[in-house]
Amino acid sequence: MPIPEPTSKFLHFSLVLVLLLTYRLSVNASTPNNEEPTNDEDDDLEVIDELIAVDEQEEQLQQQELGSSSSSSEEAKVLSKAQRIVPQLNNDNTMKILNENEFVLVLGYAPWCPRSAELMPQFAEAANILKDLGSHILMAKLDCERYPKMATSLEIKGYPTLLLFTNGSAQPYTGGFTAEDMVIWARKRTGGPVARLSSVTGAEEFVKRHNLFAVGLFEKFEGPEHQEFVKAALSDNETQFVETNSVEIAKLLFPDIKPTNLFLGLVKSEPERYTIFDGPFEMDKILQFLEYNKFPLINTLTELNSMKVYSSPFKLQVYVFADSGDFKNLVEPLLEIARKFKSKIMFLYVDIKDDNLAKPFLTMLGLEESEKTVVAAFDNKISTKYLLESEPTPSKIQEFCSGLLDGTVSPYFKSQPVPDNTDASIQVVVGENI
């Protein structure tokens, strides 16, 4: 592979670096040994640090463009665009940026942190979306390892940390961690909780931008039902709410809608795309409806969505640990099984080769070295685990799930073989017979 020629930015960086170092040497030569370095010298060093950071980012983008596939190239373009609209905070500019902008969403990260690395592309994509939407929210990032004093000043104690600053005052981020989650949360906190659509064109653009949303149809944007809808929108951190008083627009958003003056439905970008709300228009009922229906039929567990999964109202969860090839062969029948147990069991797929996500679960089952597909269940309400001990065929998985609901599946205990205590004066117990 040919070595890429130096970029103009690299040449500019090299020239500035030489000039700064030359200047610094001349200053040192004229400074007595017992004097402290001046503030100008510290500023020079900080400028060099900033230039090095910019050059490192430029080099990373070059490597991505040279050695990646077309999809990776697209990600590099997103990151490149985000670099232009996401300022890098430092000791000098942070307070100025926070005080001069009404809304600033800050990402505190560390370069060595895997979750920071996973979140950064989503943060960049969210910045691009907000920019395209004409939002006044500024998104900025702070390398907490390079600027620890500023991280402490902003009370960033872990990585990654998201904080929304409104006129300089911080509030913690409580939304999800996809780009869409961040956009929805930020817009709800800095504007109205409900988007109102009044044109077909606006509705078409809305559908293109959102994968998950709750749509409400009202004759008038007033009254007790509408008030409960808005209260639910304020309480939910992850779902975009949209309203209209046009049946035509509502049908564009939710094709299965029935002619009515009052309607609420949930739209998702998956096979189970449309779900109709048939309960009373009360905030608690609306939120409960969203909690039980916003998850996909099968969730892929990741570092970013793990907290959302663990805190979900689904206390009975079935996990399929498999490599990507084996799961691909199982996914279609598993979708059918998930439909049958919708709103009763959450189904999750975990890559069995992912040590961070799969191994803790498999260790609890005594199967940490397993390379074959494992199907297990966890009832978080009573802290009990179950294991499908037969071949994980679709029929066996469905039978396993039915048994979980009717109580015919016995809890699984990581255990040594049960000893024979028939004539023993002291009974020996193990996990399975304790």
Protein backbone atom coordinates (compact mmCIF):
# COMPACT_ATOMS: atom_id res chain seq x y z
CA MET A 1 0.00 0.00 0.00
CA PRO A 2 1.51 3.38 -0.98
CA ILE A 3 2.34 5.75 1.84
CA PRO A 4 0.03 8.77 1.73
CA GLU A 5 1.65 12.12 1.08
CA PRO A 6 1.69 14.60 3.97
CA THR A 7 -1.46 16.69 4.14
CA SER A 8 -1.43 20.47 4.11
CA LYS A 9 -2.57 20.41 7.73
CA PHE A 10 0.41 18.23 8.66
CA LEU A 11 2.85 20.58 6.88
CA HIS A 12 1.26 23.57 8.57
CA PHE A 13 1.48 21.80 11.95
CA SER A 14 5.17 20.97 11.43
CA LEU A 15 6.03 24.56 10.50
CA VAL A 16 4.20 26.02 13.50
CA LEU A 17 5.78 23.44 15.82
CA VAL A 18 9.30 24.35 14.64
CA LEU A 19 8.62 28.07 15.05
CA LEU A 20 7.22 27.58 18.54
CA LEU A 21 10.11 25.42 19.67
CA THR A 22 12.65 27.87 18.19
CA TYR A 23 10.95 30.74 19.99
CA ARG A 24 10.87 28.81 23.27
CA LEU A 25 14.60 27.97 23.06
CA SER A 26 15.47 31.62 22.48
CA VAL A 27 13.36 32.65 25.49
CA ASN A 28 15.01 30.01 27.71
CA ALA A 29 18.46 31.20 26.64
CA SER A 30 17.65 34.73 27.85
CA THR A 31 15.92 33.66 31.10
CA PRO A 32 18.01 33.41 34.30
CA ASN A 33 18.15 29.94 35.82
CA ASN A 34 16.36 30.99 39.01
CA GLU A 35 13.28 32.42 37.27
CA GLU A 36 9.97 30.56 36.78
CA PRO A 37 8.76 29.93 33.22
CA THR A 38 6.41 32.64 31.99
CA ASN A 39 2.72 32.22 31.20
CA ASP A 40 3.58 32.69 27.52
CA GLU A 41 5.71 29.54 27.63
CA ASP A 42 2.83 27.57 29.20
CA ASP A 43 0.53 28.89 26.48
CA ASP A 44 3.00 27.73 23.83
CA LEU A 45 3.05 24.23 25.28
CA GLU A 46 -0.74 24.13 25.36
CA VAL A 47 -0.89 25.25 21.71
CA ILE A 48 1.51 22.43 20.84
CA ASP A 49 -0.71 19.95 22.72
CA GLU A 50 -3.74 21.19 20.81
CA LEU A 51 -1.93 20.90 17.47
CA ILE A 52 -0.77 17.39 18.32
CA ALA A 53 -4.35 16.44 19.18
CA VAL A 54 -5.63 17.84 15.87
CA ASP A 55 -2.89 16.04 13.94
CA GLU A 56 -3.61 12.73 15.72
CA GLN A 57 -7.30 13.04 14.83
CA GLU A 58 -6.41 13.82 11.20
CA GLU A 59 -4.09 10.81 11.03
CA GLN A 60 -6.77 8.51 12.49
CA LEU A 61 -9.26 9.67 9.87
CA GLN A 62 -6.70 9.07 7.10
CA GLN A 63 -6.12 5.51 8.31
CA GLN A 64 -9.85 4.86 8.47
CA GLU A 65 -10.32 6.10 4.90
CA LEU A 66 -7.37 4.07 3.57
CA GLY A 67 -7.98 0.76 5.29
CA SER A 68 -11.72 0.44 5.79
CA SER A 69 -14.73 -0.69 3.82
CA SER A 70 -17.29 1.66 2.30
CA SER A 71 -19.41 1.58 5.48
CA SER A 72 -16.37 2.50 7.58
CA SER A 73 -15.63 5.28 5.11
CA GLU A 74 -19.12 6.66 5.72
CA GLU A 75 -18.50 6.55 9.48
CA ALA A 76 -15.23 8.43 8.93
CA LYS A 77 -17.10 11.12 7.00
CA VAL A 78 -19.59 11.47 9.85
CA LEU A 79 -16.76 11.81 12.36
CA SER A 80 -14.95 14.26 10.11
CA LYS A 81 -18.05 16.42 9.82
CA ALA A 82 -18.61 16.20 13.57
CA GLN A 83 -15.07 17.42 14.22
CA ARG A 84 -16.01 20.67 12.53
CA ILE A 85 -19.13 21.21 14.64
CA VAL A 86 -18.11 19.55 17.94
CA PRO A 87 -15.50 21.74 19.64
CA GLN A 88 -12.82 20.11 21.78
CA LEU A 89 -12.97 21.71 25.20
CA ASN A 90 -9.79 22.58 27.10
CA ASN A 91 -8.64 24.61 30.09
CA ASP A 92 -8.97 27.91 28.23
CA ASN A 93 -12.18 27.67 26.22
CA THR A 94 -14.55 25.59 28.36
CA MET A 95 -16.06 28.28 30.57
CA LYS A 96 -16.23 30.70 27.64
CA ILE A 97 -18.21 28.18 25.56
CA LEU A 98 -20.52 27.26 28.45
CA ASN A 99 -21.25 30.90 29.27
CA GLU A 100 -21.74 32.09 25.68
CA ASN A 101 -24.16 29.33 24.61
CA GLU A 102 -27.63 28.77 26.06
CA PHE A 103 -27.47 24.98 25.67
CA VAL A 104 -24.30 22.84 25.59
CA LEU A 105 -24.31 19.04 25.76
CA VAL A 106 -20.85 17.98 26.97
CA LEU A 107 -19.32 14.54 26.57
CA GLY A 108 -16.58 13.83 29.09
CA TYR A 109 -14.47 10.91 27.87
CA ALA A 110 -11.12 9.15 28.21
CA PRO A 111 -9.24 7.88 25.13
CA TRP A 112 -8.56 4.49 26.75
CA CYS A 113 -12.19 3.88 27.80
CA PRO A 114 -14.02 1.27 25.62
CA ARG A 115 -17.46 2.71 26.39
CA SER A 116 -16.22 6.18 25.44
CA ALA A 117 -15.01 4.77 22.13
CA GLU A 118 -18.38 3.10 21.54
CA LEU A 119 -20.31 6.27 22.39
CA MET A 120 -18.18 8.74 20.38
CA PRO A 121 -19.58 7.87 16.89
CA GLN A 122 -23.14 8.09 18.25
CA PHE A 123 -22.36 11.48 19.81
CA ALA A 124 -20.90 12.66 16.50
CA GLU A 125 -23.95 11.48 14.57
CA ALA A 126 -26.27 13.21 17.06
CA ALA A 127 -24.31 16.45 16.58
CA ASN A 128 -24.77 16.17 12.82
CA ILE A 129 -28.53 15.53 13.16
CA LEU A 130 -29.02 18.47 15.53
CA LYS A 131 -27.03 20.71 13.20
CA ASP A 132 -29.15 19.66 10.21
CA LEU A 133 -32.33 20.29 12.24
CA GLY A 134 -31.18 23.84 12.93
CA SER A 135 -30.99 23.22 16.67
CA HIS A 136 -29.35 25.77 18.94
CA ILE A 137 -27.85 23.00 21.08
CA LEU A 138 -24.05 22.97 20.93
CA MET A 139 -22.36 19.62 21.47
CA ALA A 140 -18.80 19.62 22.83
CA LYS A 141 -16.33 17.04 24.11
CA LEU A 142 -13.72 17.09 26.85
CA ASP A 143 -10.74 14.75 27.03
CA CYS A 144 -10.75 14.24 30.79
CA GLU A 145 -7.36 12.55 30.79
CA ARG A 146 -5.69 15.52 29.08
CA TYR A 147 -7.61 18.12 31.10
CA PRO A 148 -8.24 16.51 34.53
CA LYS A 149 -8.63 19.83 36.37
CA MET A 150 -11.40 20.95 34.05
CA ALA A 151 -13.07 17.53 34.35
CA THR A 152 -13.02 17.92 38.14
CA SER A 153 -14.39 21.44 37.84
CA LEU A 154 -17.35 20.13 35.81
CA GLU A 155 -17.80 17.28 38.35
CA ILE A 156 -17.12 14.57 35.79
CA LYS A 157 -16.21 11.50 37.84
CA GLY A 158 -16.56 8.60 35.39
CA TYR A 159 -16.30 7.90 31.69
CA PRO A 160 -18.19 8.51 29.59
CA THR A 161 -20.29 11.25 31.21
CA LEU A 162 -22.89 13.41 29.47
CA LEU A 163 -23.99 16.72 30.99
CA LEU A 164 -26.40 19.33 29.62
CA PHE A 165 -25.47 22.91 30.51
CA THR A 166 -28.28 25.47 30.34
CA ASN A 167 -26.91 29.01 30.66
CA GLY A 168 -23.90 27.53 32.47
CA SER A 169 -25.87 25.34 34.92
CA ALA A 170 -25.44 21.56 34.59
CA GLN A 171 -28.00 18.78 34.72
CA PRO A 172 -27.18 15.06 34.32
CA TYR A 173 -28.09 13.23 31.14
CA THR A 174 -30.76 10.58 31.69
CA GLY A 175 -31.49 9.36 28.15
CA GLY A 176 -30.32 6.48 25.99
CA PHE A 177 -27.03 6.19 24.16
CA THR A 178 -27.85 5.95 20.47
CA ALA A 179 -27.65 9.08 18.32
CA GLU A 180 -31.44 9.20 18.10
CA ASP A 181 -31.77 8.82 21.89
CA MET A 182 -29.46 11.77 22.46
CA VAL A 183 -31.25 13.95 19.91
CA ILE A 184 -34.67 13.19 21.42
CA TRP A 185 -33.52 13.80 25.00
CA ALA A 186 -31.69 17.03 24.16
CA ARG A 187 -34.60 18.47 22.16
CA LYS A 188 -37.09 17.61 24.89
CA ARG A 189 -34.92 19.37 27.49
CA THR A 190 -34.36 22.47 25.37
CA GLY A 191 -37.71 22.88 23.62
CA GLY A 192 -41.20 21.40 23.53
CA PRO A 193 -41.69 17.75 24.55
CA VAL A 194 -43.99 17.09 21.56
CA ALA A 195 -43.33 17.75 17.87
CA ARG A 196 -46.40 19.07 16.05
CA LEU A 197 -46.85 18.22 12.36
CA SER A 198 -49.13 20.21 10.06
CA SER A 199 -47.88 19.27 6.57
CA VAL A 200 -47.37 16.10 4.57
CA THR A 201 -43.82 17.18 3.67
CA GLY A 202 -42.97 17.68 7.33
CA ALA A 203 -44.41 14.26 8.16
CA GLU A 204 -42.36 12.58 5.41
CA GLU A 205 -39.17 14.18 6.74
CA PHE A 206 -40.08 13.18 10.29
CA VAL A 207 -40.49 9.50 9.33
CA LYS A 208 -37.07 9.52 7.65
CA ARG A 209 -35.38 10.87 10.78
CA HIS A 210 -37.01 8.79 13.52
CA ASN A 211 -36.97 5.04 14.10
CA LEU A 212 -39.14 5.09 17.22
CA PHE A 213 -41.95 7.49 18.01
CA ALA A 214 -45.40 7.81 19.63
CA VAL A 215 -47.99 9.47 17.41
CA GLY A 216 -51.11 11.15 18.77
CA LEU A 217 -54.12 12.30 16.75
CA PHE A 218 -56.30 14.94 18.40
CA GLU A 219 -59.23 16.99 17.15
CA LYS A 220 -57.90 19.91 19.24
CA PHE A 221 -54.60 20.30 21.10
CA GLU A 222 -56.37 20.80 24.40
CA GLY A 223 -58.48 18.92 26.92
CA PRO A 224 -57.65 16.24 29.53
CA GLU A 225 -56.54 13.55 27.04
CA HIS A 226 -54.09 15.92 25.36
CA GLN A 227 -52.78 17.09 28.72
CA GLU A 228 -52.05 13.48 29.75
CA PHE A 229 -50.30 12.91 26.41
CA VAL A 230 -48.02 15.92 26.98
CA LYS A 231 -47.32 14.85 30.59
CA ALA A 232 -46.27 11.41 29.32
CA ALA A 233 -44.00 13.07 26.74
CA LEU A 234 -42.32 15.08 29.49
CA SER A 235 -41.77 11.98 31.62
CA ASP A 236 -40.41 9.68 28.90
CA ASN A 237 -36.73 10.31 28.12
CA GLU A 238 -36.32 8.02 25.12
CA THR A 239 -39.38 8.22 22.88
CA GLN A 240 -40.10 11.05 20.47
CA PHE A 241 -43.73 12.19 20.76
CA VAL A 242 -45.47 13.71 17.75
CA GLU A 243 -49.00 15.08 17.38
CA THR A 244 -51.31 16.16 14.57
CA ASN A 245 -54.95 17.03 14.02
CA SER A 246 -54.92 15.77 10.42
CA VAL A 247 -56.07 12.22 9.65
CA GLU A 248 -54.10 12.36 6.37
CA ILE A 249 -50.85 13.13 8.21
CA ALA A 250 -51.61 10.59 10.91
CA LYS A 251 -52.10 7.88 8.24
CA LEU A 252 -48.72 8.75 6.76
CA LEU A 253 -47.13 8.19 10.18
CA PHE A 254 -49.29 5.21 11.16
CA PRO A 255 -50.95 3.57 8.10
CA ASP A 256 -53.11 1.23 10.24
CA ILE A 257 -54.89 4.11 11.96
CA LYS A 258 -58.69 4.02 12.07
CA PRO A 259 -60.78 7.14 11.35
CA THR A 260 -61.17 8.76 14.75
CA ASN A 261 -60.63 12.03 16.56
CA LEU A 262 -58.50 10.48 19.29
CA PHE A 263 -55.68 8.01 18.67
CA LEU A 264 -52.30 6.96 20.05
CA GLY A 265 -49.90 4.47 18.52
CA LEU A 266 -46.25 3.46 18.69
CA VAL A 267 -44.07 3.14 15.57
CA LYS A 268 -40.81 1.14 15.50
CA SER A 269 -38.36 0.27 12.71
CA GLU A 270 -38.66 -3.51 12.92
CA PRO A 271 -41.02 -6.30 11.76
CA GLU A 272 -43.47 -5.52 14.58
CA ARG A 273 -43.66 -1.93 13.33
CA TYR A 274 -47.06 -0.63 14.49
CA THR A 275 -48.69 -1.02 17.91
CA ILE A 276 -52.03 0.58 18.83
CA PHE A 277 -52.70 1.93 22.32
CA ASP A 278 -56.14 0.84 23.49
CA GLY A 279 -56.12 2.02 27.10
CA PRO A 280 -57.40 5.18 28.81
CA PHE A 281 -55.53 8.41 28.06
CA GLU A 282 -53.74 8.65 31.40
CA MET A 283 -50.05 9.42 31.81
CA ASP A 284 -49.23 6.25 33.76
CA LYS A 285 -51.07 4.01 31.29
CA ILE A 286 -49.37 5.65 28.31
CA LEU A 287 -45.92 5.27 29.89
CA GLN A 288 -46.62 1.63 30.76
CA PHE A 289 -47.70 0.98 27.17
CA LEU A 290 -44.46 2.48 25.85
CA GLU A 291 -42.25 0.60 28.33
CA TYR A 292 -43.66 -2.77 27.32
CA ASN A 293 -43.75 -2.13 23.57
CA LYS A 294 -40.76 0.04 22.64
CA PHE A 295 -38.24 -2.81 22.76
CA PRO A 296 -37.61 -4.92 19.62
CA LEU A 297 -38.90 -8.50 19.63
CA ILE A 298 -35.25 -9.60 19.96
CA ASN A 299 -32.76 -7.22 21.55
CA THR A 300 -29.04 -7.42 20.85
CA LEU A 301 -27.30 -6.74 24.15
CA THR A 302 -24.54 -4.10 23.97
CA GLU A 303 -22.59 -2.00 26.45
CA LEU A 304 -24.73 1.01 25.48
CA ASN A 305 -28.16 -0.56 25.97
CA SER A 306 -27.36 -2.88 28.89
CA MET A 307 -28.64 -0.52 31.60
CA LYS A 308 -31.87 0.03 29.66
CA VAL A 309 -32.36 -3.74 29.41
CA TYR A 310 -31.60 -4.44 33.08
CA SER A 311 -33.97 -1.70 34.27
CA SER A 312 -36.83 -2.64 31.92
CA PRO A 313 -40.22 -3.75 33.27
CA PHE A 314 -39.59 -7.20 31.75
CA LYS A 315 -38.35 -9.12 34.76
CA LEU A 316 -38.39 -12.45 32.91
CA GLN A 317 -35.69 -12.39 30.24
CA VAL A 318 -34.56 -15.18 27.89
CA TYR A 319 -30.96 -14.94 26.67
CA VAL A 320 -29.57 -16.65 23.58
CA PHE A 321 -25.76 -16.86 23.71
CA ALA A 322 -24.46 -17.79 20.25
CA ASP A 323 -21.94 -16.79 17.62
CA SER A 324 -23.26 -14.64 14.78
CA GLY A 325 -23.42 -17.53 12.30
CA ASP A 326 -25.47 -19.82 14.54
CA PHE A 327 -27.78 -17.00 15.58
CA LYS A 328 -28.43 -16.04 11.96
CA ASN A 329 -29.89 -19.51 11.39
CA LEU A 330 -32.03 -19.22 14.52
CA VAL A 331 -33.32 -15.64 14.25
CA GLU A 332 -36.41 -16.20 12.05
CA PRO A 333 -38.04 -18.92 14.19
CA LEU A 334 -36.98 -16.99 17.30
CA LEU A 335 -38.88 -13.92 16.05
CA GLU A 336 -42.04 -16.05 15.78
CA ILE A 337 -41.52 -17.34 19.32
CA ALA A 338 -40.97 -13.79 20.60
CA ARG A 339 -44.26 -12.68 19.03
CA LYS A 340 -46.13 -15.38 20.94
CA PHE A 341 -44.69 -14.20 24.26
CA LYS A 342 -44.80 -10.46 23.52
CA SER A 343 -45.24 -8.27 26.64
CA LYS A 344 -44.48 -11.31 28.84
CA ILE A 345 -40.85 -12.22 28.10
CA MET A 346 -37.96 -10.13 26.80
CA PHE A 347 -35.69 -11.96 24.34
CA LEU A 348 -32.02 -11.04 24.07
CA TYR A 349 -29.15 -12.11 21.86
CA VAL A 350 -25.59 -11.97 23.21
CA ASP A 351 -22.51 -12.73 21.14
CA ILE A 352 -21.00 -15.70 22.95
CA LYS A 353 -17.50 -14.48 21.99
CA ASP A 354 -17.99 -11.15 23.79
CA ASP A 355 -16.18 -11.67 27.10
CA ASN A 356 -17.47 -8.43 28.63
CA LEU A 357 -21.14 -9.22 28.04
CA ALA A 358 -21.48 -13.00 27.70
CA LYS A 359 -18.93 -14.34 30.15
CA PRO A 360 -20.47 -12.97 33.39
CA PHE A 361 -23.76 -14.72 32.58
CA LEU A 362 -22.14 -17.94 31.40
CA THR A 363 -19.97 -18.06 34.53
CA MET A 364 -23.11 -17.99 36.70
CA LEU A 365 -24.26 -21.05 34.76
CA GLY A 366 -20.88 -22.79 34.97
CA LEU A 367 -20.60 -22.61 31.17
CA GLU A 368 -17.95 -19.93 30.74
CA GLU A 369 -15.95 -22.11 28.34
CA SER A 370 -18.92 -23.00 26.14
CA GLU A 371 -18.63 -22.33 22.41
CA LYS A 372 -22.01 -23.81 21.48
CA THR A 373 -25.36 -22.00 21.62
CA VAL A 374 -26.71 -21.59 25.16
CA VAL A 375 -30.29 -20.62 26.00
CA ALA A 376 -30.97 -19.45 29.55
CA ALA A 377 -33.50 -17.34 31.41
CA PHE A 378 -33.24 -14.96 34.34
CA ASP A 379 -36.17 -13.89 36.48
CA ASN A 380 -34.94 -10.64 38.00
CA LYS A 381 -38.02 -10.34 40.18
CA ILE A 382 -37.08 -13.38 42.27
CA SER A 383 -33.36 -13.55 41.36
CA THR A 384 -33.65 -17.00 39.78
CA LYS A 385 -31.91 -18.48 36.74
CA TYR A 386 -33.02 -21.24 34.37
CA LEU A 387 -31.18 -23.24 31.71
CA LEU A 388 -32.45 -25.03 28.62
CA GLU A 389 -30.50 -28.27 29.05
CA SER A 390 -31.69 -29.90 25.81
CA GLU A 391 -30.70 -29.04 22.23
CA PRO A 392 -31.74 -25.40 21.57
CA THR A 393 -34.10 -26.09 18.66
CA PRO A 394 -37.01 -23.67 18.02
CA SER A 395 -39.56 -26.14 19.40
CA LYS A 396 -37.51 -26.73 22.56
CA ILE A 397 -37.04 -22.97 23.07
CA GLN A 398 -40.81 -22.39 22.76
CA GLU A 399 -41.50 -25.24 25.18
CA PHE A 400 -38.92 -23.76 27.57
CA CYS A 401 -40.63 -20.35 27.46
CA SER A 402 -44.08 -21.82 28.08
CA GLY A 403 -42.69 -23.71 31.07
CA LEU A 404 -41.20 -20.50 32.47
CA LEU A 405 -44.62 -18.85 32.48
CA ASP A 406 -46.56 -21.78 33.91
CA GLY A 407 -43.90 -22.64 36.50
CA THR A 408 -42.99 -26.11 35.25
CA VAL A 409 -39.32 -25.31 34.57
CA SER A 410 -37.11 -25.89 37.61
CA PRO A 411 -34.53 -23.27 38.64
CA TYR A 412 -30.96 -24.05 37.59
CA PHE A 413 -28.18 -24.33 40.15
CA LYS A 414 -24.50 -24.38 39.34
CA SER A 415 -23.68 -27.52 41.26
CA GLN A 416 -21.47 -30.52 41.81
CA PRO A 417 -23.16 -33.95 41.46
CA VAL A 418 -25.70 -34.67 44.22
CA PRO A 419 -24.04 -37.06 46.72
CA ASP A 420 -25.67 -40.19 48.14
CA ASN A 421 -26.53 -39.33 51.76
CA THR A 422 -28.58 -42.48 52.49
CA ASP A 423 -26.47 -43.85 55.36
CA ALA A 424 -24.47 -40.73 56.13
CA SER A 425 -24.52 -39.33 59.69
CA ILE A 426 -23.61 -35.91 58.23
CA GLN A 427 -25.61 -34.79 55.21
CA VAL A 428 -23.54 -33.33 52.36
CA VAL A 429 -25.31 -30.65 50.34
CA VAL A 430 -24.41 -29.09 47.00
CA GLY A 431 -26.00 -26.37 44.92
CA GLU A 432 -28.73 -28.57 43.46
CA ASN A 433 -30.07 -30.10 46.70
CA ILE A 434 -29.41 -27.34 49.22
